[in-house]
Protein backbone atom coordinates (compact mmCIF):
# COMPACT_ATOMS: atom_id res chain seq x y z
CA MET A 1 93.76 137.22 72.49
CA LEU A 2 94.08 133.45 72.59
CA ALA A 3 96.13 131.53 75.15
CA LYS A 4 96.82 127.85 75.77
CA VAL A 5 97.77 126.39 79.15
CA LEU A 6 98.23 122.73 80.05
CA SER A 7 96.48 120.99 82.93
CA THR A 8 95.17 117.49 83.68
CA ALA A 9 91.96 115.59 84.31
CA LEU A 10 91.54 112.27 86.11
CA VAL A 11 89.70 109.36 84.56
CA GLY A 12 89.79 106.43 86.93
CA LEU A 13 93.38 106.10 88.15
CA ASP A 14 94.92 107.76 85.09
CA ALA A 15 95.59 111.44 84.44
CA TYR A 16 95.09 112.86 80.97
CA LEU A 17 96.58 116.03 79.52
CA ILE A 18 94.07 118.85 79.04
CA GLU A 19 94.62 121.95 76.89
CA VAL A 20 92.93 124.92 78.56
CA GLU A 21 92.27 127.30 75.67
CA VAL A 22 91.31 130.82 76.73
CA ASP A 23 89.83 133.29 74.23
CA ILE A 24 89.12 136.89 75.29
CA SER A 25 87.20 139.01 72.80
CA GLY A 26 84.96 142.03 72.65
CA GLY A 27 81.23 141.95 73.29
CA LEU A 28 79.01 141.71 76.30
CA PRO A 29 80.79 140.45 79.44
CA GLN A 30 80.46 136.69 79.64
CA PHE A 31 82.44 133.82 81.15
CA SER A 32 81.68 130.39 79.64
CA VAL A 33 83.45 127.05 79.99
CA VAL A 34 82.95 124.37 77.32
CA GLY A 35 84.38 120.90 76.77
CA LEU A 36 82.25 118.58 78.93
CA PRO A 37 82.83 120.26 82.31
CA ASP A 38 80.98 118.98 85.36
CA ALA A 39 79.32 121.25 87.94
CA THR A 40 82.54 121.70 89.91
CA VAL A 41 84.43 122.83 86.81
CA ARG A 42 81.66 125.24 85.84
CA GLU A 43 81.75 126.75 89.34
CA SER A 44 85.44 127.54 88.81
CA ARG A 45 84.34 130.74 87.02
CA ASP A 46 83.47 132.35 90.33
CA ARG A 47 86.59 131.08 92.09
CA VAL A 48 88.89 132.29 89.30
CA ARG A 49 87.21 135.72 89.12
CA SER A 50 87.48 136.30 92.88
CA ALA A 51 91.04 134.95 93.10
CA LEU A 52 92.26 137.31 90.37
CA LYS A 53 90.55 140.36 91.86
CA ASN A 54 91.65 139.63 95.44
CA THR A 55 95.31 139.21 94.46
CA GLY A 56 95.64 142.52 92.64
CA PHE A 57 95.05 141.43 89.04
CA SER A 58 92.41 143.01 86.85
CA PHE A 59 89.66 140.72 85.63
CA PRO A 60 88.76 141.50 82.00
CA ILE A 61 85.20 142.76 81.58
CA LYS A 62 84.91 141.06 78.19
CA LYS A 63 83.63 137.88 76.62
CA ILE A 64 85.76 135.02 77.97
CA THR A 65 85.46 131.55 76.46
CA ILE A 66 87.43 128.65 77.91
CA ASN A 67 87.60 125.40 75.99
CA LEU A 68 88.85 122.22 77.69
CA ALA A 69 90.31 119.98 75.00
CA PRO A 70 89.83 117.17 74.16
CA ALA A 71 86.17 118.09 74.26
CA ASP A 72 84.89 114.49 74.41
CA LEU A 73 86.61 113.75 77.75
CA LYS A 74 84.58 114.38 80.89
CA LYS A 75 86.30 116.90 83.21
CA GLU A 76 85.63 116.68 86.91
CA GLY A 77 86.91 118.35 90.05
CA SER A 78 88.55 121.67 90.87
CA GLY A 79 92.08 120.95 89.65
CA LEU A 80 91.65 123.11 86.52
CA ASP A 81 91.20 126.37 88.48
CA LEU A 82 94.86 127.38 88.43
CA ALA A 83 95.26 126.73 84.70
CA MET A 84 92.17 128.81 83.90
CA ALA A 85 93.42 131.78 85.94
CA ILE A 86 96.88 131.63 84.39
CA GLY A 87 95.33 131.24 80.93
CA ILE A 88 93.41 134.50 81.42
CA LEU A 89 96.62 136.29 82.47
CA VAL A 90 98.46 134.89 79.45
CA ALA A 91 95.68 136.04 77.15
CA GLU A 92 95.89 139.50 78.78
CA GLU A 93 99.68 139.43 78.15
CA VAL A 94 100.52 139.66 81.83
CA ILE A 95 102.51 136.42 81.36
CA PRO A 96 104.44 135.59 78.14
CA HIS A 97 103.03 132.76 76.06
CA ASP A 98 106.34 130.90 76.00
CA ALA A 99 106.53 130.83 79.80
CA VAL A 100 103.73 128.24 80.08
CA LYS A 101 104.66 126.17 77.06
CA ASN A 102 106.25 123.30 79.00
CA CYS A 103 104.37 123.63 82.28
CA VAL A 104 101.39 121.75 83.67
CA LEU A 105 99.35 123.67 86.23
CA VAL A 106 97.11 121.78 88.67
CA GLY A 107 95.37 123.17 91.72
CA GLU A 108 92.20 124.54 93.23
CA LEU A 109 92.00 128.28 93.91
CA SER A 110 90.57 129.77 97.06
CA LEU A 111 88.89 133.18 96.84
CA ASP A 112 91.98 134.87 98.29
CA GLY A 113 94.32 133.32 95.71
CA ARG A 114 95.75 130.46 97.77
CA ILE A 115 96.36 127.18 95.95
CA LYS A 116 94.75 124.12 97.52
CA PRO A 117 95.57 120.44 96.95
CA VAL A 118 93.50 118.16 94.74
CA PRO A 119 93.29 114.34 94.53
CA GLY A 120 95.44 112.31 92.16
CA ALA A 121 98.80 114.12 92.31
CA LEU A 122 100.71 110.86 91.93
CA SER A 123 98.87 110.03 88.69
CA VAL A 124 99.57 113.58 87.45
CA ALA A 125 103.26 113.12 88.25
CA LEU A 126 103.40 109.90 86.25
CA LEU A 127 101.93 111.80 83.29
CA CYS A 128 104.40 114.71 83.61
CA ARG A 129 107.49 112.56 84.16
CA LYS A 130 110.37 113.68 81.90
CA ARG A 131 107.95 115.75 79.82
CA TYR A 132 106.64 118.78 81.71
CA ALA A 133 107.33 120.86 84.79
CA LEU A 134 104.48 120.61 87.32
CA LEU A 135 103.25 123.65 89.27
CA THR A 136 100.88 122.70 92.08
CA SER A 137 100.16 123.13 95.78
CA PRO A 138 102.86 122.25 98.35
CA GLU A 139 100.91 119.18 99.47
CA ASN A 140 100.58 117.86 95.92
CA ALA A 141 104.17 118.78 95.05
CA GLY A 142 105.53 116.66 97.89
CA GLU A 143 103.41 113.74 96.72
CA ALA A 144 104.34 114.18 93.06
CA ALA A 145 108.06 114.44 93.80
CA VAL A 146 108.06 110.81 94.91
CA VAL A 147 108.10 109.87 91.21
CA GLU A 148 111.57 109.96 89.70
CA GLY A 149 112.07 112.33 86.77
CA VAL A 150 109.40 114.86 87.80
CA ASP A 151 110.20 118.55 88.33
CA ALA A 152 107.45 119.51 90.78
CA TYR A 153 107.33 123.10 92.05
CA ALA A 154 105.40 123.97 95.20
CA VAL A 155 103.49 127.24 94.83
CA TYR A 156 101.40 128.73 97.61
CA THR A 157 99.52 131.60 95.94
CA LEU A 158 98.48 132.83 92.53
CA PRO A 159 100.90 135.85 92.59
CA GLU A 160 103.75 133.44 93.38
CA VAL A 161 102.93 131.45 90.22
CA VAL A 162 102.91 134.63 88.14
CA GLU A 163 106.27 135.75 89.55
CA PHE A 164 107.79 132.34 88.85
CA LEU A 165 106.53 132.24 85.27
CA THR A 166 107.73 135.78 84.56
CA GLY A 167 111.18 135.07 86.00
CA ARG A 168 110.90 137.34 89.05
CA ARG A 169 110.99 134.47 91.55
CA THR A 170 113.08 131.32 91.84
CA ILE A 171 111.51 128.17 93.30
CA ALA A 172 113.49 125.03 94.06
CA VAL A 173 112.27 121.69 92.77
CA SER A 174 110.41 119.80 95.51
CA GLN A 175 112.19 116.85 97.06
CA GLY A 176 110.04 113.78 97.48
CA ALA A 177 110.01 111.33 100.33
CA HIS A 178 112.66 108.64 100.10
CA LEU A 179 111.15 105.55 98.50
CA PRO A 180 112.79 102.46 100.01
CA LEU A 181 113.20 99.12 98.29
CA SER A 182 110.89 97.57 100.88
CA VAL A 183 109.06 98.76 103.98
CA VAL A 184 108.89 96.72 107.16
CA PRO A 185 105.31 96.70 108.51
CA ASP A 186 104.67 98.99 111.45
CA HIS A 187 102.00 97.27 113.54
CA ASP A 188 103.64 97.23 116.95
CA ASP A 189 100.34 97.98 118.67
CA GLU A 190 98.65 95.00 116.94
CA ASP A 191 100.85 91.99 117.76
CA PHE A 192 99.95 88.30 117.75
CA ALA A 193 101.72 88.01 121.08
CA ASP A 194 98.69 89.72 122.63
CA VAL A 195 96.33 86.94 121.51
CA LYS A 196 95.88 84.21 124.12
CA GLY A 197 95.25 80.71 122.83
CA GLN A 198 93.73 80.22 119.35
CA GLY A 199 96.79 78.32 118.10
CA HIS A 200 94.77 76.72 115.28
CA ALA A 201 93.49 80.08 114.07
CA LYS A 202 96.95 81.65 114.23
CA ARG A 203 98.35 78.81 112.14
CA ALA A 204 95.56 79.24 109.57
CA LEU A 205 96.24 82.99 109.34
CA GLU A 206 99.94 82.28 108.88
CA VAL A 207 99.12 79.94 105.99
CA ALA A 208 96.74 82.52 104.52
CA ALA A 209 99.39 85.25 104.73
CA ALA A 210 102.08 83.03 103.24
CA GLY A 211 100.02 82.25 100.15
CA GLY A 212 97.80 85.33 99.88
CA HIS A 213 94.69 83.20 100.50
CA ASN A 214 91.23 84.46 101.41
CA ILE A 215 90.01 83.20 104.78
CA LEU A 216 86.69 82.82 106.62
CA MET A 217 86.59 82.67 110.44
CA ILE A 218 83.51 81.15 112.10
CA GLY A 219 82.99 81.56 115.82
CA PRO A 220 80.70 82.92 118.56
CA PRO A 221 80.85 86.56 119.72
CA GLY A 222 83.94 87.36 121.76
CA SER A 223 86.05 84.48 120.49
CA GLY A 224 88.68 86.85 119.04
CA LYS A 225 87.90 86.89 115.31
CA THR A 226 88.26 90.67 114.95
CA MET A 227 91.34 90.72 117.16
CA LEU A 228 93.02 88.12 114.95
CA ALA A 229 92.04 89.85 111.71
CA ARG A 230 93.44 93.21 112.81
CA ARG A 231 96.82 91.58 113.42
CA LEU A 232 97.03 89.97 110.00
CA PRO A 233 98.70 92.95 108.23
CA GLY A 234 101.52 92.73 110.77
CA ILE A 235 102.60 89.29 109.52
CA LEU A 236 102.37 90.07 105.80
CA PRO A 237 105.66 90.54 103.91
CA PRO A 238 107.13 94.06 103.65
CA MET A 239 105.76 96.20 100.83
CA GLU A 240 107.97 96.42 97.75
CA ARG A 241 108.66 99.67 95.87
CA GLU A 242 106.07 98.91 93.17
CA GLU A 243 103.44 98.00 95.74
CA VAL A 244 103.98 101.29 97.58
CA ILE A 245 103.47 103.26 94.36
CA GLU A 246 100.36 101.30 93.31
CA THR A 247 98.72 101.53 96.73
CA THR A 248 99.53 105.22 97.14
CA ARG A 249 98.11 105.96 93.70
CA VAL A 250 94.72 104.49 94.62
CA HIS A 251 94.60 106.41 97.91
CA SER A 252 95.72 109.59 96.14
CA VAL A 253 92.89 109.42 93.59
CA ALA A 254 90.44 108.77 96.43
CA GLY A 255 91.79 111.81 98.31
CA LEU A 256 92.71 109.79 101.40
CA LEU A 257 96.40 110.65 101.78
CA SER A 258 97.12 112.42 105.04
CA THR A 259 98.99 115.74 105.12
CA GLY A 260 102.72 115.28 105.50
CA ARG A 261 102.60 111.60 104.55
CA PRO A 262 102.71 111.31 100.77
CA LEU A 263 103.27 107.54 100.75
CA VAL A 264 101.26 104.56 101.96
CA THR A 265 104.10 102.46 103.34
CA THR A 266 102.13 99.94 105.42
CA ARG A 267 99.72 97.42 104.01
CA PRO A 268 96.15 98.77 104.08
CA PHE A 269 93.56 97.31 106.42
CA ARG A 270 90.01 98.23 105.44
CA ALA A 271 87.02 97.17 107.53
CA PRO A 272 83.80 98.62 106.04
CA HIS A 273 80.49 98.51 107.92
CA HIS A 274 77.93 95.96 106.76
CA SER A 275 75.57 98.76 105.64
CA ILE A 276 77.95 99.72 102.80
CA SER A 277 76.55 99.98 99.27
CA ASP A 278 77.81 98.04 96.27
CA ALA A 279 79.45 101.20 94.87
CA GLY A 280 81.14 101.82 98.21
CA LEU A 281 82.56 98.30 98.37
CA ILE A 282 83.31 97.55 94.72
CA GLY A 283 83.69 101.07 93.33
CA GLY A 284 81.74 103.24 90.92
CA GLY A 285 79.01 105.76 91.62
CA ALA A 286 77.76 108.77 89.64
CA VAL A 287 81.37 110.03 89.71
CA PRO A 288 83.31 106.73 89.68
CA LYS A 289 85.67 106.33 92.63
CA PRO A 290 87.67 103.39 93.97
CA GLY A 291 85.75 101.22 96.43
CA GLU A 292 86.95 99.56 99.61
CA VAL A 293 88.20 96.53 97.70
CA SER A 294 90.55 98.81 95.73
CA LEU A 295 91.57 100.87 98.76
CA ALA A 296 92.69 97.57 100.32
CA HIS A 297 94.92 96.78 97.31
CA HIS A 298 98.06 94.92 98.47
CA GLY A 299 96.49 94.68 101.93
CA VAL A 300 93.56 93.21 103.83
CA LEU A 301 89.82 93.71 103.32
CA PHE A 302 88.04 92.62 106.51
CA LEU A 303 84.30 91.95 106.39
CA ASP A 304 83.15 91.50 109.97
CA GLU A 305 79.78 89.76 110.29
CA ILE A 306 79.85 89.01 106.58
CA LEU A 307 76.31 87.55 106.58
CA GLU A 308 74.94 90.96 107.59
CA PHE A 309 76.11 92.46 104.27
CA LYS A 310 73.57 92.65 101.47
CA ARG A 311 73.64 89.57 99.25
CA HIS A 312 74.12 91.50 95.99
CA VAL A 313 76.95 93.53 97.53
CA LEU A 314 78.82 90.37 98.51
CA ASP A 315 78.26 88.75 95.13
CA GLY A 316 79.89 91.79 93.55
CA LEU A 317 83.16 90.63 95.12
CA ARG A 318 83.31 87.46 93.05
CA GLN A 319 84.91 88.96 89.95
CA PRO A 320 87.44 91.19 91.79
CA LEU A 321 88.59 88.27 93.95
CA GLU A 322 89.06 86.10 90.88
CA ASP A 323 90.69 88.63 88.55
CA GLY A 324 92.47 90.97 90.97
CA HIS A 325 90.84 94.09 89.53
CA VAL A 326 87.48 95.86 89.29
CA THR A 327 85.99 96.99 86.00
CA VAL A 328 83.45 99.82 86.24
CA THR A 329 81.56 100.38 82.99
CA ARG A 330 79.63 103.54 82.24
CA VAL A 331 78.04 104.87 79.05
CA ASN A 332 81.03 107.03 78.11
CA ALA A 333 83.92 105.07 79.66
CA SER A 334 85.12 101.80 81.15
CA LEU A 335 87.42 102.19 84.16
CA GLN A 336 89.61 99.62 85.86
CA TYR A 337 90.78 99.73 89.48
CA PRO A 338 93.22 97.28 91.08
CA ALA A 339 91.83 94.87 93.68
CA GLY A 340 94.66 92.55 94.70
CA VAL A 341 93.42 91.97 98.26
CA MET A 342 93.35 89.30 100.91
CA LEU A 343 89.73 88.93 101.94
CA VAL A 344 89.25 88.10 105.62
CA ALA A 345 85.64 87.40 106.62
CA ALA A 346 84.16 86.67 110.03
CA MET A 347 80.74 85.32 110.92
CA ASN A 348 78.75 83.77 113.75
CA PRO A 349 77.94 80.05 113.37
CA CYS A 350 74.19 80.67 113.77
CA PRO A 351 71.69 83.52 114.28
CA CYS A 352 72.10 83.52 118.07
CA GLY A 353 75.84 83.06 117.73
CA TYR A 354 76.38 80.13 120.10
CA TYR A 355 76.07 77.01 117.97
CA GLY A 356 78.90 74.68 119.03
CA ASP A 357 79.74 76.76 122.12
CA ARG A 358 80.09 74.44 125.11
CA GLY A 359 79.57 77.28 127.56
CA ARG A 360 76.23 78.59 126.25
CA GLU A 361 73.21 76.88 124.76
CA CYS A 362 72.25 77.51 121.14
CA LEU A 363 68.53 78.27 120.69
CA CYS A 364 68.48 77.98 116.90
CA THR A 365 66.83 75.17 114.95
CA PRO A 366 68.74 73.35 112.16
CA HIS A 367 66.49 75.07 109.61
CA GLN A 368 67.33 78.51 111.01
CA ILE A 369 71.04 77.71 110.92
CA ARG A 370 70.90 76.47 107.31
CA ARG A 371 68.92 79.53 106.25
CA TYR A 372 71.34 81.83 108.06
CA ARG A 373 74.41 80.29 106.45
CA GLY A 374 72.68 80.24 103.08
CA ARG A 375 73.15 84.00 102.88
CA LEU A 376 76.72 83.28 101.81
CA SER A 377 76.47 82.18 98.20
CA GLY A 378 78.27 79.07 96.99
CA PRO A 379 80.35 80.87 94.33
CA LEU A 380 81.66 83.36 96.88
CA LEU A 381 82.32 80.60 99.42
CA ASP A 382 84.39 78.75 96.81
CA ARG A 383 86.63 81.80 96.54
CA LEU A 384 87.43 81.66 100.25
CA ASP A 385 90.36 79.26 100.35
CA ILE A 386 90.42 78.69 104.11
CA HIS A 387 87.49 78.22 106.53
CA ILE A 388 88.30 77.80 110.21
CA ASP A 389 86.38 77.54 113.47
CA VAL A 390 87.36 80.05 116.16
CA PRO A 391 85.97 78.66 119.44
CA PRO A 392 85.89 80.63 122.70
CA VAL A 393 89.17 80.67 124.62
CA PRO A 394 88.97 78.91 128.03
CA VAL A 395 89.35 81.21 131.01
CA ARG A 396 92.44 79.33 132.23
CA GLU A 397 94.23 80.25 128.97
CA LEU A 398 93.19 83.88 129.23
CA GLY A 399 94.85 84.20 132.60
CA GLY A 400 97.92 82.13 131.73
CA GLU A 401 101.43 83.52 131.65
CA ALA A 402 102.69 81.41 128.75
CA SER A 403 104.50 83.55 126.19
CA GLN A 404 102.93 83.83 122.74
CA GLU A 405 104.77 84.01 119.43
CA THR A 406 105.27 87.54 118.13
CA SER A 407 104.15 88.87 114.78
CA ALA A 408 107.79 89.46 113.79
CA ALA A 409 108.61 85.76 114.17
CA ILE A 410 105.57 84.72 112.12
CA ARG A 411 106.33 87.37 109.50
CA ALA A 412 109.83 85.95 109.00
CA ARG A 413 108.39 82.56 108.03
CA VAL A 414 105.74 84.15 105.82
CA THR A 415 108.32 86.28 104.01
CA ALA A 416 110.54 83.23 103.42
CA ALA A 417 107.59 81.30 101.97
CA ARG A 418 106.67 84.21 99.68
CA ALA A 419 110.29 84.37 98.49
CA ARG A 420 110.14 80.69 97.51
CA GLN A 421 106.96 81.34 95.54
CA ALA A 422 108.45 84.37 93.76
CA ALA A 423 111.49 82.32 92.73
CA ARG A 424 109.35 79.41 91.53
CA TYR A 425 106.92 81.50 89.48
CA ARG A 426 109.27 84.21 88.18
CA GLN A 427 108.75 83.01 84.60
CA ASP A 428 104.94 82.92 84.94
CA GLY A 429 104.22 86.41 86.27
CA VAL A 430 102.61 85.01 89.44
CA PHE A 431 103.63 86.18 92.91
CA SER A 432 101.62 84.00 95.31
CA ASN A 433 100.00 80.58 95.40
CA ALA A 434 96.52 82.08 95.67
CA ARG A 435 96.94 83.60 92.18
CA LEU A 436 97.88 80.35 90.44
CA LYS A 437 95.90 79.70 87.27
CA PRO A 438 94.62 76.19 86.51
CA ARG A 439 97.57 75.52 84.19
CA HIS A 440 99.94 76.56 86.98
CA VAL A 441 98.17 74.30 89.48
CA LYS A 442 98.60 71.37 87.12
CA LYS A 443 102.31 72.16 86.77
CA TYR A 444 103.32 73.10 90.32
CA CYS A 445 100.85 71.25 92.57
CA LEU A 446 101.64 67.64 91.70
CA LEU A 447 100.49 64.99 94.19
CA ASP A 448 101.75 61.52 95.02
CA GLN A 449 99.39 58.54 95.09
CA ASP A 450 98.53 58.81 98.81
CA SER A 451 97.80 62.52 98.58
CA HIS A 452 95.68 62.05 95.46
CA GLU A 453 93.54 59.37 97.12
CA LEU A 454 93.14 61.51 100.24
CA ILE A 455 91.88 64.56 98.37
CA GLU A 456 89.56 62.41 96.23
CA ARG A 457 87.90 60.94 99.33
CA ALA A 458 87.55 64.39 100.91
CA THR A 459 86.07 65.86 97.75
CA ALA A 460 83.48 63.09 97.49
CA LYS A 461 82.54 63.24 101.18
CA LEU A 462 82.26 67.03 101.42
CA GLY A 463 80.73 67.49 97.97
CA LEU A 464 83.35 70.05 96.95
CA SER A 465 83.24 71.88 93.63
CA ALA A 466 86.06 71.85 91.10
CA ARG A 467 87.01 75.34 92.25
CA ALA A 468 87.21 74.20 95.89
CA TYR A 469 89.37 71.26 94.78
CA GLY A 470 91.81 73.70 93.22
CA ARG A 471 91.77 75.86 96.35
CA ILE A 472 92.81 72.89 98.47
CA LEU A 473 95.75 72.23 96.14
CA ARG A 474 96.86 75.86 96.34
CA VAL A 475 96.66 75.88 100.15
CA ALA A 476 98.58 72.59 100.30
CA ARG A 477 101.26 74.18 98.09
CA THR A 478 101.53 77.06 100.59
CA ILE A 479 101.80 74.70 103.57
CA ALA A 480 104.62 72.90 101.77
CA ASP A 481 106.37 76.23 101.17
CA LEU A 482 106.14 77.08 104.86
CA ALA A 483 107.79 73.73 105.59
CA ASP A 484 110.46 74.46 102.94
CA CYS A 485 109.39 71.36 101.05
CA GLU A 486 109.43 71.40 97.26
CA SER A 487 106.96 68.53 96.86
CA ILE A 488 103.47 68.39 98.38
CA GLN A 489 103.10 65.61 100.95
CA SER A 490 99.97 63.92 102.26
CA THR A 491 100.35 65.78 105.58
CA HIS A 492 100.17 69.09 103.71
CA VAL A 493 97.04 67.98 101.87
CA ALA A 494 95.44 66.78 105.12
CA GLU A 495 96.04 70.15 106.78
CA ALA A 496 94.61 71.95 103.73
CA ILE A 497 91.47 69.81 103.84
CA GLN A 498 90.85 70.60 107.51
CA TYR A 499 90.75 74.27 106.55
CA ARG A 500 87.36 73.66 104.87
CA SER A 501 85.29 73.65 108.07
CA PHE A 502 82.30 75.42 106.51
CA ASP A 503 81.93 72.53 104.06
CA ARG A 504 81.94 70.04 106.94
CA HIS A 505 79.11 71.97 108.68
CA ASN A 506 76.79 71.86 105.67
CA ASP A 507 75.32 68.53 106.80
CA LEU A 508 73.09 70.19 109.43
């Protein structure tokens, strides 16, 4: 007998429909799977056989051939287990053929017949929306039900699936988590009010958050760079509905969603160790997966001690920071992952860490300092819009009782500035100043005579590139938005120029 059951396979962030064709015929007992299966899919033969036997179903001692169509699409993972088992039961006429006609079955089988979750349920739900009913594990059903128009059924065991398909059991459609229009950040334990001093750095981070700019913090150990970076997500605007879906989709494919929490409702903060590989940071690998830059989509990617990262790993960030996505090319496919991140980098000013520190003596020579800073390539440095010095906080400020501004107050100003940008660029498909294209800069970042002369002098003195010139204009546009000023003034340009401290230090 021949049976056809529908399932899915993930390629990058997208799910594709797979026809699981099961043919059972006479001959020597054999169980073969064809259609470009990987090792995990081939191993499903043993899981399916044991699951059927241990749940009271007879496993046919015949020649079983399973074809996964389309045959030219690589199939990976254990999500096809359930469809294979049901396909065998349909071919054995335990389940009517019509019962599985409009159903997609996704799930891994344990040896005792329980159905386990698999990555990518949100992508599967987007594929099934208004087309097919989805039968999957309870964890995946809750995640899939977030998508409107999806009938997701939570099934716990293989016998439960059989009873549902044969009409002997009724299962209610899973109800997804409520998806709000926007989500207020929940970072109460990481508040800017806890940071003593560092007013200049706080202001720079506010500007960075308001325009979505990348930022580099330079300071000795213990000056508070990491503490400041960890509080940045708390001042970013609330996540919109589309941002929640996009971010959750990446985390779902990566298998990082926690049980009972099917949505990523707070902006991600990813801080990989400096020993990370290029595939771990950018994405890819033998089985391509999203990297840290994609897992931080719509959030913050923090690279602490950025000069300790491998040079080729850092240079791999250049294209994602410029384009907002990562393209991973392999022989049989080209995959694209989103990478709309704010990059926050921190570094010491010199190898010993105390150059410019008035409290401790720096033991490094100018040559050592230049060589140390040379690890950060010019093209990547140009993509960091803001560079600031983070000096040590004096002891008298650490012990002071002066109240500090809260993250909620800063976030209100940042959100208002982002709203002005969204209104200004609604016809251009741009949502923040950091994403302005050169034609947009020419249109929206007009300067008066004084501002133009000021930026020309700064460019000539600091030896800035054309890209750095454009970055200064974008930052000045953000500063003007924070001041609720439609035109860019010379004071805004002057503040933007002072946020290029790394360029000023290159005269060592």
